[in-house]
Amino acid sequence: MTKLFVYGVNRETPNDLLEETFNKCGEVTDVFNTGKGFAFVTMSDQAGVDSAIDELHGSEIDGQEIKVEQAKA
C-alpha cells in the first residue's frame, strides 16, 4: 500500500467524496481528511498512485484545486 499526500483540500470535504474520486484511479484502502487543508489517501498499489498523481494533480474537488503527490515515508 502506498500513501498519497493531497493538499488544497476543503476542510469540510467528506472522506466519501475523496474516496469516490480517487477510486477512479485505482483501489483506495483508506482516506483521512485532516480538516486542516490536506488529506491522506492510501492506494493498494503503485499503479493507482501513479494514476492518481497524473489524473488528479491540479484538478478540483469540492470547489478547491488540489495537489497530489506521493507521501514521504
C-alpha atoms as a PDB file:
ATOM      1  CA  MET A   1       0.000   0.000   0.000  1.00  0.00           C
ATOM      2  CA  THR A   2       1.175   3.481  -0.807  1.00  0.00           C
ATOM      3  CA  LYS A   3       0.026   6.755   0.698  1.00  0.00           C
ATOM      4  CA  LEU A   4      -0.701   9.993  -1.148  1.00  0.00           C
ATOM      5  CA  PHE A   5      -0.491  13.469   0.329  1.00  0.00           C
ATOM      6  CA  VAL A   6      -3.298  15.649  -1.033  1.00  0.00           C
ATOM      7  CA  TYR A   7      -3.218  19.340  -0.235  1.00  0.00           C
ATOM      8  CA  GLY A   8      -5.593  22.166  -1.003  1.00  0.00           C
ATOM      9  CA  VAL A   9      -8.495  20.040   0.268  1.00  0.00           C
ATOM     10  CA  ASN A  10     -11.518  21.871   1.642  1.00  0.00           C
ATOM     11  CA  ARG A  11     -11.644  21.195   5.374  1.00  0.00           C
ATOM     12  CA  GLU A  12     -15.267  20.096   5.077  1.00  0.00           C
ATOM     13  CA  THR A  13     -14.804  17.716   2.137  1.00  0.00           C
ATOM     14  CA  PRO A  14     -16.164  14.336   3.245  1.00  0.00           C
ATOM     15  CA  ASN A  15     -13.902  11.288   3.150  1.00  0.00           C
ATOM     16  CA  ASP A  16     -16.515   9.561   0.962  1.00  0.00           C
ATOM     17  CA  LEU A  17     -16.070  12.165  -1.791  1.00  0.00           C
ATOM     18  CA  LEU A  18     -12.298  11.801  -1.699  1.00  0.00           C
ATOM     19  CA  GLU A  19     -12.593   8.014  -1.800  1.00  0.00           C
ATOM     20  CA  GLU A  20     -15.019   8.144  -4.736  1.00  0.00           C
ATOM     21  CA  THR A  21     -12.723  10.489  -6.662  1.00  0.00           C
ATOM     22  CA  PHE A  22      -9.515   8.538  -6.059  1.00  0.00           C
ATOM     23  CA  ASN A  23     -11.189   5.162  -6.698  1.00  0.00           C
ATOM     24  CA  LYS A  24     -11.373   6.197 -10.369  1.00  0.00           C
ATOM     25  CA  CYS A  25      -7.580   5.796 -10.443  1.00  0.00           C
ATOM     26  CA  GLY A  26      -7.256   2.548  -8.508  1.00  0.00           C
ATOM     27  CA  GLU A  27      -8.294   0.791  -5.319  1.00  0.00           C
ATOM     28  CA  VAL A  28      -8.421   3.081  -2.276  1.00  0.00           C
ATOM     29  CA  THR A  29      -7.831   1.365   1.052  1.00  0.00           C
ATOM     30  CA  ASP A  30      -8.017   4.390   3.395  1.00  0.00           C
ATOM     31  CA  VAL A  31      -8.869   8.100   3.336  1.00  0.00           C
ATOM     32  CA  PHE A  32      -8.322  10.707   6.038  1.00  0.00           C
ATOM     33  CA  ASN A  33      -9.192  14.402   5.639  1.00  0.00           C
ATOM     34  CA  THR A  34      -7.395  16.162   8.470  1.00  0.00           C
ATOM     35  CA  GLY A  35      -9.656  19.232   8.262  1.00  0.00           C
ATOM     36  CA  LYS A  36      -6.515  21.377   8.037  1.00  0.00           C
ATOM     37  CA  GLY A  37      -6.317  21.755   4.256  1.00  0.00           C
ATOM     38  CA  PHE A  38      -4.746  18.404   3.475  1.00  0.00           C
ATOM     39  CA  ALA A  39      -5.683  14.733   3.369  1.00  0.00           C
ATOM     40  CA  PHE A  40      -4.051  11.337   3.117  1.00  0.00           C
ATOM     41  CA  VAL A  41      -5.286   8.737   0.646  1.00  0.00           C
ATOM     42  CA  THR A  42      -3.870   5.203   0.726  1.00  0.00           C
ATOM     43  CA  MET A  43      -3.921   3.264  -2.531  1.00  0.00           C
ATOM     44  CA  SER A  44      -3.481  -0.503  -2.819  1.00  0.00           C
ATOM     45  CA  ASP A  45      -0.652  -0.331  -5.360  1.00  0.00           C
ATOM     46  CA  GLN A  46       1.874   1.917  -7.071  1.00  0.00           C
ATOM     47  CA  ALA A  47      -0.059   1.910 -10.363  1.00  0.00           C
ATOM     48  CA  GLY A  48      -3.020   3.545  -8.578  1.00  0.00           C
ATOM     49  CA  VAL A  49      -0.728   6.115  -7.001  1.00  0.00           C
ATOM     50  CA  ASP A  50       0.853   6.996 -10.351  1.00  0.00           C
ATOM     51  CA  SER A  51      -2.562   7.242 -11.996  1.00  0.00           C
ATOM     52  CA  ALA A  52      -3.934   9.475  -9.224  1.00  0.00           C
ATOM     53  CA  ILE A  53      -0.969  11.841  -9.454  1.00  0.00           C
ATOM     54  CA  ASP A  54      -1.260  12.032 -13.266  1.00  0.00           C
ATOM     55  CA  GLU A  55      -5.035  12.420 -13.380  1.00  0.00           C
ATOM     56  CA  LEU A  56      -5.921  14.370 -10.233  1.00  0.00           C
ATOM     57  CA  HIS A  57      -2.998  16.742  -9.570  1.00  0.00           C
ATOM     58  CA  GLY A  58      -4.354  20.216 -10.367  1.00  0.00           C
ATOM     59  CA  SER A  59      -7.971  19.049 -10.546  1.00  0.00           C
ATOM     60  CA  GLU A  60     -10.846  20.424  -8.489  1.00  0.00           C
ATOM     61  CA  ILE A  61     -12.672  18.645  -5.687  1.00  0.00           C
ATOM     62  CA  ASP A  62     -15.450  20.291  -3.719  1.00  0.00           C
ATOM     63  CA  GLY A  63     -14.577  23.740  -5.097  1.00  0.00           C
ATOM     64  CA  GLN A  64     -10.857  23.545  -4.307  1.00  0.00           C
ATOM     65  CA  GLU A  65      -7.901  22.901  -6.589  1.00  0.00           C
ATOM     66  CA  ILE A  66      -5.885  20.032  -5.175  1.00  0.00           C
ATOM     67  CA  LYS A  67      -2.287  18.983  -5.475  1.00  0.00           C
ATOM     68  CA  VAL A  68      -1.431  15.284  -5.234  1.00  0.00           C
ATOM     69  CA  GLU A  69       1.949  13.754  -4.507  1.00  0.00           C
ATOM     70  CA  GLN A  70       3.312  10.577  -3.011  1.00  0.00           C
ATOM     71  CA  ALA A  71       3.690  10.942   0.743  1.00  0.00           C
ATOM     72  CA  LYS A  72       7.210  10.762   2.069  1.00  0.00           C
ATOM     73  CA  ALA A  73       7.945   7.924   4.471  1.00  0.00           C
END
